[in-house]
Structure formats: C-alpha cells, structure tokens
Amino acid sequence: MKNVSTRVSAAIAALMMLGMGGASAQTVDTTTFQVRATVVPVCTIQANNVDFGTYNAAVAAPTDATSTITVRCTLSTPFRVLLNGGSATGGTIMNRMMSNGTNQVGYQLFVDNARTSVWGDGAQGVSHSGVGTGVATALTVFARMSPNQFVQAGVYTDLVTATLEY
C-alpha cells in the first residue's frame, strides 16, 4: 500500500508541475518612458564680516584685514559680485566710511591682494566676475584702513551689501 500511495503522490506532483508550466507561458510586453527635468541657472551668495580688530591711528602702516564672500552657481553659469558703498552717511564706493554715532573713519574694500582695485559695482570700482563650477567658490575681500585717522575712540561699523548677478 505504501508503494501505491507513493506512486499516486508522484503522479499528482507531476500533474501539478504540468499545470504550473502552462502558467509561465504568458505574453510579455514592454514600453519605455522619458524622465525629464529642466535645470535652471541659479546662484547663492554668503558673506563673512570684515573685522579690522584694534586700530591704532599712530601706527604709520595701514591696517589690513580679509574676509570671504562665497558664491555657488550651477555649472557654467556666469556671475558678477557687486559691492555697494555701505550704509554709513556720506559713504560711497570710492570713499567708504564706518560710523560711531556722528564720528566716521575711512576704509576701503579691494578685489586684489595688492589693494589697488576697489571692489565696487562696475560703474565705480570693479566687480568680481566668474563662471559657476557647481561647487562653492570663495572670493577674498581685501580690506584696508589708512593710517593716521585720529578719530574719537570707540567701535565703528558699516553695513555693505553684496549683490550677486547671474
């Protein structure tokens, strides 16, 4: 009996496999579709403060400082960074001023380490131009205070606006 039962089980298993084999003979159809995005040119800007530290008017040499403006643009996007004359009363691009109440002290911002090219808006002074690389680019701001500015002691500040055109 055991032998007959084994043969019946084997026959049932074989019939089930034949039935399953018929299910795998399905018709298959495929298609494709497009995935699309339009990447627009974009840039971001971030600036760090310029800090001259302690200024001593009696020192014969100018007081220099540096800072950075960081620009990140999409690949191959041309850009320009412009600096205004600051917010101090009477300050201009070519004659920047820091204020402490009604007292003022002069300073200047440059695009070059030699501190010969004033960083401005292109009409006054020069702007900084570049082309986006897709990664952050640090632009150095070179700052200078002239010596012999014997003004009232205190903390002097100005607020400069950096504009990114692209």
C-alpha atoms as a PDB file:
ATOM      1  CA  MET A   1       0.000   0.000   0.000  1.00  0.00           C
ATOM      2  CA  LYS A   2       2.799   2.285   0.783  1.00  0.00           C
ATOM      3  CA  ASN A   3       4.204   1.757  -2.717  1.00  0.00           C
ATOM      4  CA  VAL A   4       0.841   2.613  -4.350  1.00  0.00           C
ATOM      5  CA  SER A   5       0.490   5.707  -2.191  1.00  0.00           C
ATOM      6  CA  THR A   6       3.962   6.867  -3.222  1.00  0.00           C
ATOM      7  CA  ARG A   7       3.129   6.366  -6.914  1.00  0.00           C
ATOM      8  CA  VAL A   8      -0.149   8.325  -6.580  1.00  0.00           C
ATOM      9  CA  SER A   9       1.636  11.165  -4.816  1.00  0.00           C
ATOM     10  CA  ALA A  10       4.291  11.253  -7.546  1.00  0.00           C
ATOM     11  CA  ALA A  11       1.612  11.317 -10.255  1.00  0.00           C
ATOM     12  CA  ILE A  12      -0.248  14.169  -8.555  1.00  0.00           C
ATOM     13  CA  ALA A  13       3.004  16.116  -8.199  1.00  0.00           C
ATOM     14  CA  ALA A  14       3.799  15.594 -11.903  1.00  0.00           C
ATOM     15  CA  LEU A  15       0.317  16.803 -12.951  1.00  0.00           C
ATOM     16  CA  MET A  16       0.659  19.884 -10.747  1.00  0.00           C
ATOM     17  CA  MET A  17       4.002  20.747 -12.347  1.00  0.00           C
ATOM     18  CA  LEU A  18       2.486  20.444 -15.794  1.00  0.00           C
ATOM     19  CA  GLY A  19      -0.270  22.851 -14.787  1.00  0.00           C
ATOM     20  CA  MET A  20       2.260  25.337 -13.465  1.00  0.00           C
ATOM     21  CA  GLY A  21       4.295  25.099 -16.630  1.00  0.00           C
ATOM     22  CA  GLY A  22       1.315  26.366 -18.581  1.00  0.00           C
ATOM     23  CA  ALA A  23       1.115  29.492 -16.398  1.00  0.00           C
ATOM     24  CA  SER A  24       4.671  30.596 -17.288  1.00  0.00           C
ATOM     25  CA  ALA A  25       3.889  30.817 -20.996  1.00  0.00           C
ATOM     26  CA  GLN A  26       2.434  34.342 -20.603  1.00  0.00           C
ATOM     27  CA  THR A  27       2.801  37.041 -23.250  1.00  0.00           C
ATOM     28  CA  VAL A  28       5.191  39.877 -22.187  1.00  0.00           C
ATOM     29  CA  ASP A  29       5.009  43.424 -23.494  1.00  0.00           C
ATOM     30  CA  THR A  30       7.340  46.345 -22.603  1.00  0.00           C
ATOM     31  CA  THR A  31       7.439  50.077 -23.187  1.00  0.00           C
ATOM     32  CA  THR A  32       9.724  52.991 -22.356  1.00  0.00           C
ATOM     33  CA  PHE A  33       9.029  56.421 -20.952  1.00  0.00           C
ATOM     34  CA  GLN A  34      11.051  59.623 -20.650  1.00  0.00           C
ATOM     35  CA  VAL A  35      12.198  61.158 -17.378  1.00  0.00           C
ATOM     36  CA  ARG A  36      12.882  64.888 -17.739  1.00  0.00           C
ATOM     37  CA  ALA A  37      13.856  67.926 -15.683  1.00  0.00           C
ATOM     38  CA  THR A  38      14.824  71.428 -16.740  1.00  0.00           C
ATOM     39  CA  VAL A  39      17.687  72.714 -14.592  1.00  0.00           C
ATOM     40  CA  VAL A  40      17.570  76.493 -14.343  1.00  0.00           C
ATOM     41  CA  PRO A  41      20.662  78.608 -13.724  1.00  0.00           C
ATOM     42  CA  VAL A  42      20.868  79.514 -10.052  1.00  0.00           C
ATOM     43  CA  CYS A  43      23.436  81.031  -7.710  1.00  0.00           C
ATOM     44  CA  THR A  44      23.704  81.608  -3.959  1.00  0.00           C
ATOM     45  CA  ILE A  45      25.879  84.057  -2.031  1.00  0.00           C
ATOM     46  CA  GLN A  46      27.090  84.206   1.561  1.00  0.00           C
ATOM     47  CA  ALA A  47      29.441  86.768   3.115  1.00  0.00           C
ATOM     48  CA  ASN A  48      31.590  86.837   6.232  1.00  0.00           C
ATOM     49  CA  ASN A  49      32.207  90.032   8.208  1.00  0.00           C
ATOM     50  CA  VAL A  50      35.394  92.076   7.836  1.00  0.00           C
ATOM     51  CA  ASP A  51      36.993  92.657  11.243  1.00  0.00           C
ATOM     52  CA  PHE A  52      39.940  95.051  11.424  1.00  0.00           C
ATOM     53  CA  GLY A  53      40.386  94.257  15.099  1.00  0.00           C
ATOM     54  CA  THR A  54      42.072  97.013  17.116  1.00  0.00           C
ATOM     55  CA  TYR A  55      43.044 100.082  15.097  1.00  0.00           C
ATOM     56  CA  ASN A  56      45.907 102.306  16.261  1.00  0.00           C
ATOM     57  CA  ALA A  57      45.951 105.647  14.419  1.00  0.00           C
ATOM     58  CA  ALA A  58      49.579 106.292  15.445  1.00  0.00           C
ATOM     59  CA  VAL A  59      50.906 103.280  13.524  1.00  0.00           C
ATOM     60  CA  ALA A  60      52.396 104.519  10.232  1.00  0.00           C
ATOM     61  CA  ALA A  61      51.305 101.465   8.212  1.00  0.00           C
ATOM     62  CA  PRO A  62      47.767 100.773   7.034  1.00  0.00           C
ATOM     63  CA  THR A  63      45.660  98.244   8.920  1.00  0.00           C
ATOM     64  CA  ASP A  64      44.666  95.351   6.649  1.00  0.00           C
ATOM     65  CA  ALA A  65      42.073  92.611   7.005  1.00  0.00           C
ATOM     66  CA  THR A  66      40.475  89.968   4.787  1.00  0.00           C
ATOM     67  CA  SER A  67      37.169  88.196   4.576  1.00  0.00           C
ATOM     68  CA  THR A  68      35.386  85.916   2.130  1.00  0.00           C
ATOM     69  CA  ILE A  69      32.292  86.002   0.006  1.00  0.00           C
ATOM     70  CA  THR A  70      31.220  82.520  -1.060  1.00  0.00           C
ATOM     71  CA  VAL A  71      29.374  82.018  -4.345  1.00  0.00           C
ATOM     72  CA  ARG A  72      27.882  78.766  -5.606  1.00  0.00           C
ATOM     73  CA  CYS A  73      26.383  78.634  -9.102  1.00  0.00           C
ATOM     74  CA  THR A  74      25.153  75.923 -11.389  1.00  0.00           C
ATOM     75  CA  LEU A  75      27.821  74.690 -13.776  1.00  0.00           C
ATOM     76  CA  SER A  76      28.799  77.210 -16.493  1.00  0.00           C
ATOM     77  CA  THR A  77      26.552  79.993 -15.137  1.00  0.00           C
ATOM     78  CA  PRO A  78      28.326  83.368 -15.479  1.00  0.00           C
ATOM     79  CA  PHE A  79      28.069  85.650 -12.437  1.00  0.00           C
ATOM     80  CA  ARG A  80      29.177  89.039 -11.053  1.00  0.00           C
ATOM     81  CA  VAL A  81      29.521  90.111  -7.433  1.00  0.00           C
ATOM     82  CA  LEU A  82      28.979  93.825  -6.765  1.00  0.00           C
ATOM     83  CA  LEU A  83      29.571  95.729  -3.531  1.00  0.00           C
ATOM     84  CA  ASN A  84      27.805  98.978  -2.665  1.00  0.00           C
ATOM     85  CA  GLY A  85      29.235 101.972  -0.803  1.00  0.00           C
ATOM     86  CA  GLY A  86      27.897 100.846   2.568  1.00  0.00           C
ATOM     87  CA  SER A  87      25.223 102.318   4.804  1.00  0.00           C
ATOM     88  CA  ALA A  88      27.271 104.985   6.643  1.00  0.00           C
ATOM     89  CA  THR A  89      26.169 108.568   5.969  1.00  0.00           C
ATOM     90  CA  GLY A  90      28.271 110.068   3.179  1.00  0.00           C
ATOM     91  CA  GLY A  91      29.996 106.781   2.358  1.00  0.00           C
ATOM     92  CA  THR A  92      30.458 105.899  -1.309  1.00  0.00           C
ATOM     93  CA  ILE A  93      32.122 103.084  -3.169  1.00  0.00           C
ATOM     94  CA  MET A  94      35.254 105.163  -3.669  1.00  0.00           C
ATOM     95  CA  ASN A  95      35.161 106.632  -0.125  1.00  0.00           C
ATOM     96  CA  ARG A  96      33.744 104.037   2.286  1.00  0.00           C
ATOM     97  CA  MET A  97      33.148 105.020   5.912  1.00  0.00           C
ATOM     98  CA  MET A  98      32.456 103.300   9.219  1.00  0.00           C
ATOM     99  CA  SER A  99      30.428 105.217  11.798  1.00  0.00           C
ATOM    100  CA  ASN A 100      30.227 105.541  15.541  1.00  0.00           C
ATOM    101  CA  GLY A 101      27.364 107.976  16.089  1.00  0.00           C
ATOM    102  CA  THR A 102      28.307 111.058  14.055  1.00  0.00           C
ATOM    103  CA  ASN A 103      32.013 110.137  14.028  1.00  0.00           C
ATOM    104  CA  GLN A 104      33.434 108.382  10.991  1.00  0.00           C
ATOM    105  CA  VAL A 105      36.596 106.572   9.959  1.00  0.00           C
ATOM    106  CA  GLY A 106      37.527 105.610   6.397  1.00  0.00           C
ATOM    107  CA  TYR A 107      38.288 102.194   4.952  1.00  0.00           C
ATOM    108  CA  GLN A 108      38.269 100.504   1.564  1.00  0.00           C
ATOM    109  CA  LEU A 109      37.493  97.071   0.043  1.00  0.00           C
ATOM    110  CA  PHE A 110      39.508  95.616  -2.831  1.00  0.00           C
ATOM    111  CA  VAL A 111      39.415  92.629  -5.192  1.00  0.00           C
ATOM    112  CA  ASP A 112      43.200  92.159  -5.172  1.00  0.00           C
ATOM    113  CA  ASN A 113      45.839  91.420  -2.541  1.00  0.00           C
ATOM    114  CA  ALA A 114      47.860  94.485  -3.636  1.00  0.00           C
ATOM    115  CA  ARG A 115      44.796  96.536  -2.673  1.00  0.00           C
ATOM    116  CA  THR A 116      44.830  98.625  -5.848  1.00  0.00           C
ATOM    117  CA  SER A 117      41.452  97.712  -7.447  1.00  0.00           C
ATOM    118  CA  VAL A 118      38.470  98.961  -5.430  1.00  0.00           C
ATOM    119  CA  TRP A 119      35.647  96.411  -5.278  1.00  0.00           C
ATOM    120  CA  GLY A 120      32.505  98.224  -6.325  1.00  0.00           C
ATOM    121  CA  ASP A 121      29.620  97.849  -8.741  1.00  0.00           C
ATOM    122  CA  GLY A 122      31.439  98.076 -12.068  1.00  0.00           C
ATOM    123  CA  ALA A 123      30.441 101.709 -12.646  1.00  0.00           C
ATOM    124  CA  GLN A 124      32.528 102.794  -9.647  1.00  0.00           C
ATOM    125  CA  GLY A 125      35.323 100.397  -8.844  1.00  0.00           C
ATOM    126  CA  VAL A 126      35.373  96.914 -10.341  1.00  0.00           C
ATOM    127  CA  SER A 127      33.073  93.962  -9.850  1.00  0.00           C
ATOM    128  CA  HIS A 128      34.228  90.377  -9.439  1.00  0.00           C
ATOM    129  CA  SER A 129      33.211  88.099 -12.322  1.00  0.00           C
ATOM    130  CA  GLY A 130      33.317  84.347 -12.639  1.00  0.00           C
ATOM    131  CA  VAL A 131      31.668  81.243 -14.047  1.00  0.00           C
ATOM    132  CA  GLY A 132      29.878  78.683 -11.894  1.00  0.00           C
ATOM    133  CA  THR A 133      31.597  75.370 -11.255  1.00  0.00           C
ATOM    134  CA  GLY A 134      28.765  73.707  -9.347  1.00  0.00           C
ATOM    135  CA  VAL A 135      30.750  73.932  -6.102  1.00  0.00           C
ATOM    136  CA  ALA A 136      31.238  76.796  -3.654  1.00  0.00           C
ATOM    137  CA  THR A 137      33.856  79.358  -4.709  1.00  0.00           C
ATOM    138  CA  ALA A 138      35.420  81.571  -2.029  1.00  0.00           C
ATOM    139  CA  LEU A 139      36.207  85.127  -3.156  1.00  0.00           C
ATOM    140  CA  THR A 140      38.590  87.037  -0.914  1.00  0.00           C
ATOM    141  CA  VAL A 141      37.674  90.559   0.170  1.00  0.00           C
ATOM    142  CA  PHE A 142      40.852  92.552   0.842  1.00  0.00           C
ATOM    143  CA  ALA A 143      40.199  95.432   3.258  1.00  0.00           C
ATOM    144  CA  ARG A 144      42.341  98.387   4.337  1.00  0.00           C
ATOM    145  CA  MET A 145      42.154 101.266   6.804  1.00  0.00           C
ATOM    146  CA  SER A 146      44.555 104.112   6.129  1.00  0.00           C
ATOM    147  CA  PRO A 147      46.880 105.166   8.955  1.00  0.00           C
ATOM    148  CA  ASN A 148      46.662 108.450  10.896  1.00  0.00           C
ATOM    149  CA  GLN A 149      42.878 108.612  11.311  1.00  0.00           C
ATOM    150  CA  PHE A 150      42.783 110.259  14.733  1.00  0.00           C
ATOM    151  CA  VAL A 151      39.061 109.976  15.467  1.00  0.00           C
ATOM    152  CA  GLN A 152      37.153 109.505  18.717  1.00  0.00           C
ATOM    153  CA  ALA A 153      37.816 106.107  20.318  1.00  0.00           C
ATOM    154  CA  GLY A 154      35.011 103.542  20.032  1.00  0.00           C
ATOM    155  CA  VAL A 155      33.610 100.777  17.868  1.00  0.00           C
ATOM    156  CA  TYR A 156      32.959 101.799  14.261  1.00  0.00           C
ATOM    157  CA  THR A 157      30.784  99.816  11.865  1.00  0.00           C
ATOM    158  CA  ASP A 158      29.350  99.870   8.368  1.00  0.00           C
ATOM    159  CA  LEU A 159      26.979  97.554   6.544  1.00  0.00           C
ATOM    160  CA  VAL A 160      27.937  96.709   2.953  1.00  0.00           C
ATOM    161  CA  THR A 161      25.539  94.972   0.577  1.00  0.00           C
ATOM    162  CA  ALA A 162      26.964  92.309  -1.733  1.00  0.00           C
ATOM    163  CA  THR A 163      24.808  91.725  -4.825  1.00  0.00           C
ATOM    164  CA  LEU A 164      25.100  88.604  -6.971  1.00  0.00           C
ATOM    165  CA  GLU A 165      24.051  88.959 -10.603  1.00  0.00           C
ATOM    166  CA  TYR A 166      23.715  85.913 -12.843  1.00  0.00           C
END
